[in-house]
Amino acid sequence: MPRAKPGPGPASGYRPTADQRPGRRAHHGQCLDPGLLIAERRPLGEVIAELDRYRPGLLRCSAEIAGLRVSGSFSLDQPDASLDLLARTLPIRIRRVMGYWASVDAA
């Protein structure tokens, strides 16, 4: 599994608590796979920020679409596949430059 980029704030991971915050990597005890991000009506900007931690290079999200609500399961082991899934289901487009820089913008 790719290593997460260090960043501010608490580390993501399974916590055996009743905490129901969206975006935890394990959710309601149903998904204990540390390679999945489970989102329930989470802002797209937050989902993109989490995927960025697992993707080499830079990943940015336009402020125009950062507030779109997202629900689903997304692979952290394959963040580019997760981006493609988001692009197929939301009015967004992913622009990649030389495999390093990726930008998520309105379609």
PDB file of N, CA and C in Angstrom:
ATOM      1  N   MET A   1       0.854  -1.182   0.000  1.00  0.00           N
ATOM      2  CA  MET A   1       0.000   0.000   0.000  1.00  0.00           C
ATOM      3  C   MET A   1       0.892   1.234   0.000  1.00  0.00           C
ATOM      4  N   PRO A   2       0.590   2.251  -0.834  1.00  0.00           N
ATOM      5  CA  PRO A   2       1.395   3.461  -0.855  1.00  0.00           C
ATOM      6  C   PRO A   2       1.343   4.156   0.495  1.00  0.00           C
ATOM      7  N   ARG A   3       2.443   4.767   0.843  1.00  0.00           N
ATOM      8  CA  ARG A   3       2.470   5.509   2.098  1.00  0.00           C
ATOM      9  C   ARG A   3       1.747   6.835   1.932  1.00  0.00           C
ATOM     10  N   ALA A   4       1.061   7.237   2.977  1.00  0.00           N
ATOM     11  CA  ALA A   4       0.351   8.509   2.952  1.00  0.00           C
ATOM     12  C   ALA A   4       1.350   9.641   3.081  1.00  0.00           C
ATOM     13  N   LYS A   5       1.067  10.751   2.402  1.00  0.00           N
ATOM     14  CA  LYS A   5       1.884  11.941   2.566  1.00  0.00           C
ATOM     15  C   LYS A   5       1.611  12.510   3.953  1.00  0.00           C
ATOM     16  N   PRO A   6       2.631  12.951   4.670  1.00  0.00           N
ATOM     17  CA  PRO A   6       2.366  13.547   5.977  1.00  0.00           C
ATOM     18  C   PRO A   6       1.584  14.840   5.802  1.00  0.00           C
ATOM     19  N   GLY A   7       0.760  15.126   6.744  1.00  0.00           N
ATOM     20  CA  GLY A   7      -0.041  16.339   6.669  1.00  0.00           C
ATOM     21  C   GLY A   7      -0.520  16.742   8.039  1.00  0.00           C
ATOM     22  N   PRO A   8      -1.116  17.911   8.143  1.00  0.00           N
ATOM     23  CA  PRO A   8      -1.605  18.376   9.428  1.00  0.00           C
ATOM     24  C   PRO A   8      -2.827  17.592   9.869  1.00  0.00           C
ATOM     25  N   GLY A   9      -3.093  17.629  11.141  1.00  0.00           N
ATOM     26  CA  GLY A   9      -4.303  17.012  11.675  1.00  0.00           C
ATOM     27  C   GLY A   9      -4.090  15.576  12.069  1.00  0.00           C
ATOM     28  N   PRO A  10      -5.138  14.970  12.627  1.00  0.00           N
ATOM     29  CA  PRO A  10      -5.027  13.591  13.092  1.00  0.00           C
ATOM     30  C   PRO A  10      -4.862  12.622  11.930  1.00  0.00           C
ATOM     31  N   ALA A  11      -4.202  11.532  12.182  1.00  0.00           N
ATOM     32  CA  ALA A  11      -4.009  10.510  11.153  1.00  0.00           C
ATOM     33  C   ALA A  11      -5.300   9.750  10.933  1.00  0.00           C
ATOM     34  N   SER A  12      -5.522   9.366   9.685  1.00  0.00           N
ATOM     35  CA  SER A  12      -6.690   8.550   9.378  1.00  0.00           C
ATOM     36  C   SER A  12      -6.412   7.122   9.792  1.00  0.00           C
ATOM     37  N   GLY A  13      -7.448   6.404  10.080  1.00  0.00           N
ATOM     38  CA  GLY A  13      -7.277   5.000  10.406  1.00  0.00           C
ATOM     39  C   GLY A  13      -8.442   4.496  11.217  1.00  0.00           C
ATOM     40  N   TYR A  14      -8.463   3.216  11.441  1.00  0.00           N
ATOM     41  CA  TYR A  14      -9.545   2.609  12.209  1.00  0.00           C
ATOM     42  C   TYR A  14      -9.401   2.966  13.673  1.00  0.00           C
ATOM     43  N   ARG A  15     -10.456   3.409  14.257  1.00  0.00           N
ATOM     44  CA  ARG A  15     -10.512   3.682  15.687  1.00  0.00           C
ATOM     45  C   ARG A  15     -11.719   2.935  16.231  1.00  0.00           C
ATOM     46  N   PRO A  16     -11.544   2.036  17.168  1.00  0.00           N
ATOM     47  CA  PRO A  16     -12.681   1.262  17.675  1.00  0.00           C
ATOM     48  C   PRO A  16     -13.546   2.092  18.616  1.00  0.00           C
ATOM     49  N   THR A  17     -14.245   3.071  18.043  1.00  0.00           N
ATOM     50  CA  THR A  17     -15.131   3.921  18.828  1.00  0.00           C
ATOM     51  C   THR A  17     -16.473   3.993  18.129  1.00  0.00           C
ATOM     52  N   ALA A  18     -17.402   4.656  18.772  1.00  0.00           N
ATOM     53  CA  ALA A  18     -18.724   4.847  18.174  1.00  0.00           C
ATOM     54  C   ALA A  18     -18.757   6.097  17.311  1.00  0.00           C
ATOM     55  N   ASP A  19     -17.609   6.713  17.088  1.00  0.00           N
ATOM     56  CA  ASP A  19     -17.521   7.936  16.297  1.00  0.00           C
ATOM     57  C   ASP A  19     -18.057   7.686  14.892  1.00  0.00           C
ATOM     58  N   GLN A  20     -18.984   8.505  14.436  1.00  0.00           N
ATOM     59  CA  GLN A  20     -19.636   8.302  13.140  1.00  0.00           C
ATOM     60  C   GLN A  20     -19.255   9.370  12.122  1.00  0.00           C
ATOM     61  N   ARG A  21     -18.143  10.086  12.336  1.00  0.00           N
ATOM     62  CA  ARG A  21     -17.768  11.145  11.400  1.00  0.00           C
ATOM     63  C   ARG A  21     -17.561  10.586  10.002  1.00  0.00           C
ATOM     64  N   PRO A  22     -18.057  11.303   8.958  1.00  0.00           N
ATOM     65  CA  PRO A  22     -17.850  10.828   7.593  1.00  0.00           C
ATOM     66  C   PRO A  22     -16.376  10.891   7.226  1.00  0.00           C
ATOM     67  N   GLY A  23     -15.990  10.010   6.331  1.00  0.00           N
ATOM     68  CA  GLY A  23     -14.641  10.041   5.811  1.00  0.00           C
ATOM     69  C   GLY A  23     -13.657   9.178   6.567  1.00  0.00           C
ATOM     70  N   ARG A  24     -14.088   8.533   7.637  1.00  0.00           N
ATOM     71  CA  ARG A  24     -13.180   7.626   8.326  1.00  0.00           C
ATOM     72  C   ARG A  24     -12.875   6.469   7.400  1.00  0.00           C
ATOM     73  N   ARG A  25     -11.728   5.877   7.578  1.00  0.00           N
ATOM     74  CA  ARG A  25     -11.349   4.773   6.702  1.00  0.00           C
ATOM     75  C   ARG A  25     -12.105   3.509   7.056  1.00  0.00           C
ATOM     76  N   ALA A  26     -12.543   3.359   8.276  1.00  0.00           N
ATOM     77  CA  ALA A  26     -13.423   2.243   8.638  1.00  0.00           C
ATOM     78  C   ALA A  26     -14.729   2.861   9.105  1.00  0.00           C
ATOM     79  N   HIS A  27     -15.841   2.272   8.741  1.00  0.00           N
ATOM     80  CA  HIS A  27     -17.123   2.915   8.972  1.00  0.00           C
ATOM     81  C   HIS A  27     -18.118   1.935   9.569  1.00  0.00           C
ATOM     82  N   HIS A  28     -18.650   2.259  10.724  1.00  0.00           N
ATOM     83  CA  HIS A  28     -19.700   1.467  11.373  1.00  0.00           C
ATOM     84  C   HIS A  28     -19.310   0.005  11.558  1.00  0.00           C
ATOM     85  N   GLY A  29     -18.025  -0.310  11.539  1.00  0.00           N
ATOM     86  CA  GLY A  29     -17.592  -1.688  11.692  1.00  0.00           C
ATOM     87  C   GLY A  29     -17.881  -2.562  10.480  1.00  0.00           C
ATOM     88  N   GLN A  30     -18.455  -2.010   9.417  1.00  0.00           N
ATOM     89  CA  GLN A  30     -18.791  -2.803   8.237  1.00  0.00           C
ATOM     90  C   GLN A  30     -17.604  -2.957   7.298  1.00  0.00           C
ATOM     91  N   CYS A  31     -16.735  -1.986   7.255  1.00  0.00           N
ATOM     92  CA  CYS A  31     -15.618  -2.010   6.318  1.00  0.00           C
ATOM     93  C   CYS A  31     -14.333  -1.813   7.101  1.00  0.00           C
ATOM     94  N   LEU A  32     -13.599  -2.882   7.288  1.00  0.00           N
ATOM     95  CA  LEU A  32     -12.352  -2.784   8.027  1.00  0.00           C
ATOM     96  C   LEU A  32     -11.151  -2.745   7.093  1.00  0.00           C
ATOM     97  N   ASP A  33     -11.385  -2.598   5.805  1.00  0.00           N
ATOM     98  CA  ASP A  33     -10.313  -2.537   4.822  1.00  0.00           C
ATOM     99  C   ASP A  33      -9.630  -1.179   4.911  1.00  0.00           C
ATOM    100  N   PRO A  34      -8.360  -1.145   5.325  1.00  0.00           N
ATOM    101  CA  PRO A  34      -7.675   0.145   5.453  1.00  0.00           C
ATOM    102  C   PRO A  34      -7.393   0.803   4.110  1.00  0.00           C
ATOM    103  N   GLY A  35      -7.665   0.113   3.011  1.00  0.00           N
ATOM    104  CA  GLY A  35      -7.430   0.683   1.690  1.00  0.00           C
ATOM    105  C   GLY A  35      -8.640   1.366   1.096  1.00  0.00           C
ATOM    106  N   LEU A  36      -9.699   1.556   1.897  1.00  0.00           N
ATOM    107  CA  LEU A  36     -10.916   2.204   1.404  1.00  0.00           C
ATOM    108  C   LEU A  36     -11.215   3.473   2.177  1.00  0.00           C
ATOM    109  N   LEU A  37     -11.700   4.452   1.454  1.00  0.00           N
ATOM    110  CA  LEU A  37     -12.244   5.666   2.050  1.00  0.00           C
ATOM    111  C   LEU A  37     -13.752   5.584   1.871  1.00  0.00           C
ATOM    112  N   ILE A  38     -14.495   5.630   2.961  1.00  0.00           N
ATOM    113  CA  ILE A  38     -15.950   5.597   2.921  1.00  0.00           C
ATOM    114  C   ILE A  38     -16.439   7.019   3.173  1.00  0.00           C
ATOM    115  N   ALA A  39     -17.233   7.544   2.253  1.00  0.00           N
ATOM    116  CA  ALA A  39     -17.751   8.910   2.386  1.00  0.00           C
ATOM    117  C   ALA A  39     -19.271   8.884   2.345  1.00  0.00           C
ATOM    118  N   GLU A  40     -19.878   9.637   3.236  1.00  0.00           N
ATOM    119  CA  GLU A  40     -21.333   9.817   3.242  1.00  0.00           C
ATOM    120  C   GLU A  40     -21.624  11.312   3.215  1.00  0.00           C
ATOM    121  N   ARG A  41     -22.046  11.791   2.049  1.00  0.00           N
ATOM    122  CA  ARG A  41     -22.362  13.207   1.860  1.00  0.00           C
ATOM    123  C   ARG A  41     -21.208  14.106   2.324  1.00  0.00           C
ATOM    124  N   ARG A  42     -20.019  13.684   2.022  1.00  0.00           N
ATOM    125  CA  ARG A  42     -18.821  14.438   2.390  1.00  0.00           C
ATOM    126  C   ARG A  42     -18.489  15.416   1.271  1.00  0.00           C
ATOM    127  N   PRO A  43     -18.029  16.627   1.586  1.00  0.00           N
ATOM    128  CA  PRO A  43     -17.660  17.578   0.534  1.00  0.00           C
ATOM    129  C   PRO A  43     -16.553  17.016  -0.370  1.00  0.00           C
ATOM    130  N   LEU A  44     -16.704  17.228  -1.662  1.00  0.00           N
ATOM    131  CA  LEU A  44     -15.733  16.733  -2.629  1.00  0.00           C
ATOM    132  C   LEU A  44     -14.323  17.206  -2.288  1.00  0.00           C
ATOM    133  N   GLY A  45     -14.186  18.439  -1.849  1.00  0.00           N
ATOM    134  CA  GLY A  45     -12.864  18.959  -1.498  1.00  0.00           C
ATOM    135  C   GLY A  45     -12.174  18.128  -0.432  1.00  0.00           C
ATOM    136  N   GLU A  46     -12.941  17.615   0.533  1.00  0.00           N
ATOM    137  CA  GLU A  46     -12.364  16.765   1.578  1.00  0.00           C
ATOM    138  C   GLU A  46     -11.979  15.398   1.024  1.00  0.00           C
ATOM    139  N   VAL A  47     -12.798  14.848   0.143  1.00  0.00           N
ATOM    140  CA  VAL A  47     -12.486  13.553  -0.471  1.00  0.00           C
ATOM    141  C   VAL A  47     -11.212  13.680  -1.307  1.00  0.00           C
ATOM    142  N   ILE A  48     -11.107  14.756  -2.076  1.00  0.00           N
ATOM    143  CA  ILE A  48      -9.915  14.985  -2.900  1.00  0.00           C
ATOM    144  C   ILE A  48      -8.684  15.148  -2.012  1.00  0.00           C
ATOM    145  N   ALA A  49      -8.814  15.881  -0.914  1.00  0.00           N
ATOM    146  CA  ALA A  49      -7.683  16.066  -0.001  1.00  0.00           C
ATOM    147  C   ALA A  49      -7.218  14.729   0.575  1.00  0.00           C
ATOM    148  N   GLU A  50      -8.153  13.850   0.882  1.00  0.00           N
ATOM    149  CA  GLU A  50      -7.783  12.531   1.404  1.00  0.00           C
ATOM    150  C   GLU A  50      -7.111  11.690   0.317  1.00  0.00           C
ATOM    151  N   LEU A  51      -7.641  11.708  -0.900  1.00  0.00           N
ATOM    152  CA  LEU A  51      -7.009  10.966  -1.996  1.00  0.00           C
ATOM    153  C   LEU A  51      -5.605  11.502  -2.277  1.00  0.00           C
ATOM    154  N   ASP A  52      -5.422  12.802  -2.120  1.00  0.00           N
ATOM    155  CA  ASP A  52      -4.118  13.429  -2.355  1.00  0.00           C
ATOM    156  C   ASP A  52      -3.039  12.842  -1.448  1.00  0.00           C
ATOM    157  N   ARG A  53      -3.421  12.453  -0.263  1.00  0.00           N
ATOM    158  CA  ARG A  53      -2.459  11.877   0.678  1.00  0.00           C
ATOM    159  C   ARG A  53      -1.896  10.547   0.180  1.00  0.00           C
ATOM    160  N   TYR A  54      -2.616   9.878  -0.707  1.00  0.00           N
ATOM    161  CA  TYR A  54      -2.231   8.548  -1.172  1.00  0.00           C
ATOM    162  C   TYR A  54      -1.771   8.532  -2.624  1.00  0.00           C
ATOM    163  N   ARG A  55      -1.699   9.689  -3.241  1.00  0.00           N
ATOM    164  CA  ARG A  55      -1.326   9.782  -4.653  1.00  0.00           C
ATOM    165  C   ARG A  55      -0.012  10.535  -4.774  1.00  0.00           C
ATOM    166  N   PRO A  56       0.961   9.990  -5.530  1.00  0.00           N
ATOM    167  CA  PRO A  56       2.196  10.746  -5.744  1.00  0.00           C
ATOM    168  C   PRO A  56       1.910  12.005  -6.556  1.00  0.00           C
ATOM    169  N   GLY A  57       2.615  13.066  -6.261  1.00  0.00           N
ATOM    170  CA  GLY A  57       2.418  14.316  -6.987  1.00  0.00           C
ATOM    171  C   GLY A  57       1.442  15.234  -6.292  1.00  0.00           C
ATOM    172  N   LEU A  58       0.883  16.148  -7.057  1.00  0.00           N
ATOM    173  CA  LEU A  58      -0.043  17.148  -6.533  1.00  0.00           C
ATOM    174  C   LEU A  58      -1.443  16.902  -7.071  1.00  0.00           C
ATOM    175  N   LEU A  59      -2.419  17.052  -6.211  1.00  0.00           N
ATOM    176  CA  LEU A  59      -3.822  16.902  -6.585  1.00  0.00           C
ATOM    177  C   LEU A  59      -4.572  18.080  -5.995  1.00  0.00           C
ATOM    178  N   ARG A  60      -5.233  18.845  -6.836  1.00  0.00           N
ATOM    179  CA  ARG A  60      -5.946  20.031  -6.385  1.00  0.00           C
ATOM    180  C   ARG A  60      -7.388  19.998  -6.848  1.00  0.00           C
ATOM    181  N   CYS A  61      -8.256  20.637  -6.049  1.00  0.00           N
ATOM    182  CA  CYS A  61      -9.685  20.688  -6.345  1.00  0.00           C
ATOM    183  C   CYS A  61     -10.117  22.147  -6.443  1.00  0.00           C
ATOM    184  N   SER A  62     -10.822  22.485  -7.495  1.00  0.00           N
ATOM    185  CA  SER A  62     -11.336  23.833  -7.700  1.00  0.00           C
ATOM    186  C   SER A  62     -12.315  24.202  -6.587  1.00  0.00           C
ATOM    187  N   ALA A  63     -12.224  25.423  -6.096  1.00  0.00           N
ATOM    188  CA  ALA A  63     -13.141  25.899  -5.056  1.00  0.00           C
ATOM    189  C   ALA A  63     -14.588  25.880  -5.546  1.00  0.00           C
ATOM    190  N   GLU A  64     -14.773  26.025  -6.848  1.00  0.00           N
ATOM    191  CA  GLU A  64     -16.104  26.039  -7.454  1.00  0.00           C
ATOM    192  C   GLU A  64     -16.880  24.743  -7.205  1.00  0.00           C
ATOM    193  N   ILE A  65     -16.176  23.629  -7.127  1.00  0.00           N
ATOM    194  CA  ILE A  65     -16.851  22.333  -6.965  1.00  0.00           C
ATOM    195  C   ILE A  65     -16.541  21.658  -5.635  1.00  0.00           C
ATOM    196  N   ALA A  66     -15.723  22.265  -4.813  1.00  0.00           N
ATOM    197  CA  ALA A  66     -15.288  21.642  -3.554  1.00  0.00           C
ATOM    198  C   ALA A  66     -16.448  21.315  -2.619  1.00  0.00           C
ATOM    199  N   GLY A  67     -17.560  22.011  -2.750  1.00  0.00           N
ATOM    200  CA  GLY A  67     -18.702  21.787  -1.870  1.00  0.00           C
ATOM    201  C   GLY A  67     -19.668  20.710  -2.331  1.00  0.00           C
ATOM    202  N   LEU A  68     -19.457  20.140  -3.533  1.00  0.00           N
ATOM    203  CA  LEU A  68     -20.336  19.057  -3.989  1.00  0.00           C
ATOM    204  C   LEU A  68     -20.297  17.917  -2.983  1.00  0.00           C
ATOM    205  N   ARG A  69     -21.450  17.333  -2.685  1.00  0.00           N
ATOM    206  CA  ARG A  69     -21.513  16.232  -1.714  1.00  0.00           C
ATOM    207  C   ARG A  69     -21.261  14.901  -2.408  1.00  0.00           C
ATOM    208  N   VAL A  70     -20.463  14.066  -1.763  1.00  0.00           N
ATOM    209  CA  VAL A  70     -20.053  12.786  -2.324  1.00  0.00           C
ATOM    210  C   VAL A  70     -20.378  11.670  -1.339  1.00  0.00           C
ATOM    211  N   SER A  71     -20.932  10.587  -1.849  1.00  0.00           N
ATOM    212  CA  SER A  71     -21.138   9.372  -1.058  1.00  0.00           C
ATOM    213  C   SER A  71     -20.588   8.202  -1.853  1.00  0.00           C
ATOM    214  N   GLY A  72     -19.900   7.304  -1.183  1.00  0.00           N
ATOM    215  CA  GLY A  72     -19.388   6.119  -1.855  1.00  0.00           C
ATOM    216  C   GLY A  72     -18.161   5.560  -1.179  1.00  0.00           C
ATOM    217  N   SER A  73     -17.635   4.496  -1.771  1.00  0.00           N
ATOM    218  CA  SER A  73     -16.408   3.843  -1.307  1.00  0.00           C
ATOM    219  C   SER A  73     -15.333   4.084  -2.353  1.00  0.00           C
ATOM    220  N   PHE A  74     -14.175   4.538  -1.915  1.00  0.00           N
ATOM    221  CA  PHE A  74     -13.114   4.908  -2.840  1.00  0.00           C
ATOM    222  C   PHE A  74     -11.806   4.243  -2.434  1.00  0.00           C
ATOM    223  N   SER A  75     -11.122   3.677  -3.420  1.00  0.00           N
ATOM    224  CA  SER A  75      -9.857   2.991  -3.168  1.00  0.00           C
ATOM    225  C   SER A  75      -8.755   4.000  -2.877  1.00  0.00           C
ATOM    226  N   LEU A  76      -8.086   3.809  -1.746  1.00  0.00           N
ATOM    227  CA  LEU A  76      -6.925   4.626  -1.426  1.00  0.00           C
ATOM    228  C   LEU A  76      -5.665   4.013  -2.030  1.00  0.00           C
ATOM    229  N   ASP A  77      -5.734   2.726  -2.344  1.00  0.00           N
ATOM    230  CA  ASP A  77      -4.604   2.051  -2.977  1.00  0.00           C
ATOM    231  C   ASP A  77      -4.485   2.437  -4.448  1.00  0.00           C
ATOM    232  N   GLN A  78      -5.599   2.863  -5.053  1.00  0.00           N
ATOM    233  CA  GLN A  78      -5.623   3.276  -6.456  1.00  0.00           C
ATOM    234  C   GLN A  78      -6.337   4.625  -6.561  1.00  0.00           C
ATOM    235  N   PRO A  79      -5.712   5.694  -6.060  1.00  0.00           N
ATOM    236  CA  PRO A  79      -6.386   6.992  -6.036  1.00  0.00           C
ATOM    237  C   PRO A  79      -6.765   7.517  -7.420  1.00  0.00           C
ATOM    238  N   ASP A  80      -5.981   7.201  -8.462  1.00  0.00           N
ATOM    239  CA  ASP A  80      -6.347   7.667  -9.803  1.00  0.00           C
ATOM    240  C   ASP A  80      -7.616   6.984 -10.298  1.00  0.00           C
ATOM    241  N   ALA A  81      -7.801   5.715  -9.956  1.00  0.00           N
ATOM    242  CA  ALA A  81      -9.044   5.018 -10.309  1.00  0.00           C
ATOM    243  C   ALA A  81     -10.223   5.635  -9.558  1.00  0.00           C
ATOM    244  N   SER A  82      -9.994   6.050  -8.321  1.00  0.00           N
ATOM    245  CA  SER A  82     -11.051   6.721  -7.557  1.00  0.00           C
ATOM    246  C   SER A  82     -11.406   8.059  -8.186  1.00  0.00           C
ATOM    247  N   LEU A  83     -10.406   8.787  -8.674  1.00  0.00           N
ATOM    248  CA  LEU A  83     -10.667  10.053  -9.368  1.00  0.00           C
ATOM    249  C   LEU A  83     -11.492   9.820 -10.626  1.00  0.00           C
ATOM    250  N   ASP A  84     -11.148   8.781 -11.381  1.00  0.00           N
ATOM    251  CA  ASP A  84     -11.901   8.469 -12.600  1.00  0.00           C
ATOM    252  C   ASP A  84     -13.350   8.126 -12.274  1.00  0.00           C
ATOM    253  N   LEU A  85     -13.573   7.398 -11.194  1.00  0.00           N
ATOM    254  CA  LEU A  85     -14.931   7.069 -10.761  1.00  0.00           C
ATOM    255  C   LEU A  85     -15.711   8.340 -10.423  1.00  0.00           C
ATOM    256  N   LEU A  86     -15.078   9.253  -9.706  1.00  0.00           N
ATOM    257  CA  LEU A  86     -15.736  10.520  -9.374  1.00  0.00           C
ATOM    258  C   LEU A  86     -16.096  11.289 -10.643  1.00  0.00           C
ATOM    259  N   ALA A  87     -15.195  11.283 -11.633  1.00  0.00           N
ATOM    260  CA  ALA A  87     -15.441  12.007 -12.885  1.00  0.00           C
ATOM    261  C   ALA A  87     -16.588  11.395 -13.683  1.00  0.00           C
ATOM    262  N   ARG A  88     -16.822  10.097 -13.527  1.00  0.00           N
ATOM    263  CA  ARG A  88     -17.936   9.448 -14.237  1.00  0.00           C
ATOM    264  C   ARG A  88     -19.278   9.705 -13.564  1.00  0.00           C
ATOM    265  N   THR A  89     -19.268  10.074 -12.295  1.00  0.00           N
ATOM    266  CA  THR A  89     -20.531  10.203 -11.562  1.00  0.00           C
ATOM    267  C   THR A  89     -20.881  11.629 -11.160  1.00  0.00           C
ATOM    268  N   LEU A  90     -19.942  12.542 -11.273  1.00  0.00           N
ATOM    269  CA  LEU A  90     -20.176  13.941 -10.897  1.00  0.00           C
ATOM    270  C   LEU A  90     -19.881  14.852 -12.086  1.00  0.00           C
ATOM    271  N   PRO A  91     -20.413  16.079 -12.067  1.00  0.00           N
ATOM    272  CA  PRO A  91     -20.132  17.024 -13.161  1.00  0.00           C
ATOM    273  C   PRO A  91     -18.748  17.664 -13.004  1.00  0.00           C
ATOM    274  N   ILE A  92     -17.718  16.825 -13.048  1.00  0.00           N
ATOM    275  CA  ILE A  92     -16.339  17.293 -12.889  1.00  0.00           C
ATOM    276  C   ILE A  92     -15.482  16.699 -13.998  1.00  0.00           C
ATOM    277  N   ARG A  93     -14.292  17.275 -14.166  1.00  0.00           N
ATOM    278  CA  ARG A  93     -13.317  16.707 -15.091  1.00  0.00           C
ATOM    279  C   ARG A  93     -11.969  16.690 -14.383  1.00  0.00           C
ATOM    280  N   ILE A  94     -11.182  15.687 -14.701  1.00  0.00           N
ATOM    281  CA  ILE A  94      -9.850  15.534 -14.127  1.00  0.00           C
ATOM    282  C   ILE A  94      -8.843  15.869 -15.220  1.00  0.00           C
ATOM    283  N   ARG A  95      -7.981  16.817 -14.940  1.00  0.00           N
ATOM    284  CA  ARG A  95      -6.929  17.181 -15.895  1.00  0.00           C
ATOM    285  C   ARG A  95      -5.591  16.747 -15.296  1.00  0.00           C
ATOM    286  N   ARG A  96      -4.885  15.893 -16.003  1.00  0.00           N
ATOM    287  CA  ARG A  96      -3.595  15.386 -15.527  1.00  0.00           C
ATOM    288  C   ARG A  96      -2.480  15.943 -16.405  1.00  0.00           C
ATOM    289  N   VAL A  97      -1.389  16.345 -15.770  1.00  0.00           N
ATOM    290  CA  VAL A  97      -0.232  16.870 -16.489  1.00  0.00           C
ATOM    291  C   VAL A  97       0.982  16.019 -16.125  1.00  0.00           C
ATOM    292  N   MET A  98       1.473  15.272 -17.101  1.00  0.00           N
ATOM    293  CA  MET A  98       2.681  14.449 -16.964  1.00  0.00           C
ATOM    294  C   MET A  98       2.630  13.480 -15.781  1.00  0.00           C
ATOM    295  N   GLY A  99       1.447  13.045 -15.388  1.00  0.00           N
ATOM    296  CA  GLY A  99       1.321  12.063 -14.327  1.00  0.00           C
ATOM    297  C   GLY A  99       1.609  12.577 -12.932  1.00  0.00           C
ATOM    298  N   TYR A 100       2.037  13.819 -12.816  1.00  0.00           N
ATOM    299  CA  TYR A 100       2.406  14.373 -11.518  1.00  0.00           C
ATOM    300  C   TYR A 100       1.312  15.282 -10.975  1.00  0.00           C
ATOM    301  N   TRP A 101       0.871  16.211 -11.762  1.00  0.00           N
ATOM    302  CA  TRP A 101      -0.118  17.197 -11.355  1.00  0.00           C
ATOM    303  C   TRP A 101      -1.489  16.753 -11.837  1.00  0.00           C
ATOM    304  N   ALA A 102      -2.482  16.801 -10.954  1.00  0.00           N
ATOM    305  CA  ALA A 102      -3.862  16.532 -11.358  1.00  0.00           C
ATOM    306  C   ALA A 102      -4.738  17.621 -10.765  1.00  0.00           C
ATOM    307  N   SER A 103      -5.649  18.107 -11.574  1.00  0.00           N
ATOM    308  CA  SER A 103      -6.553  19.172 -11.163  1.00  0.00           C
ATOM    309  C   SER A 103      -7.988  18.709 -11.388  1.00  0.00           C
ATOM    310  N   VAL A 104      -8.832  18.918 -10.391  1.00  0.00           N
ATOM    311  CA  VAL A 104     -10.244  18.552 -10.478  1.00  0.00           C
ATOM    312  C   VAL A 104     -11.031  19.849 -10.622  1.00  0.00           C
ATOM    313  N   ASP A 105     -11.744  19.981 -11.743  1.00  0.00           N
ATOM    314  CA  ASP A 105     -12.481  21.205 -12.058  1.00  0.00           C
ATOM    315  C   ASP A 105     -13.907  20.870 -12.477  1.00  0.00           C
ATOM    316  N   ALA A 106     -14.739  21.908 -12.592  1.00  0.00           N
ATOM    317  CA  ALA A 106     -16.107  21.722 -13.089  1.00  0.00           C
ATOM    318  C   ALA A 106     -16.051  21.272 -14.543  1.00  0.00           C
ATOM    319  N   ALA A 107     -16.981  20.405 -14.920  1.00  0.00           N
ATOM    320  CA  ALA A 107     -17.031  19.901 -16.305  1.00  0.00           C
ATOM    321  C   ALA A 107     -17.544  20.979 -17.235  1.00  0.00           C
TER     322      ALA A 107
END
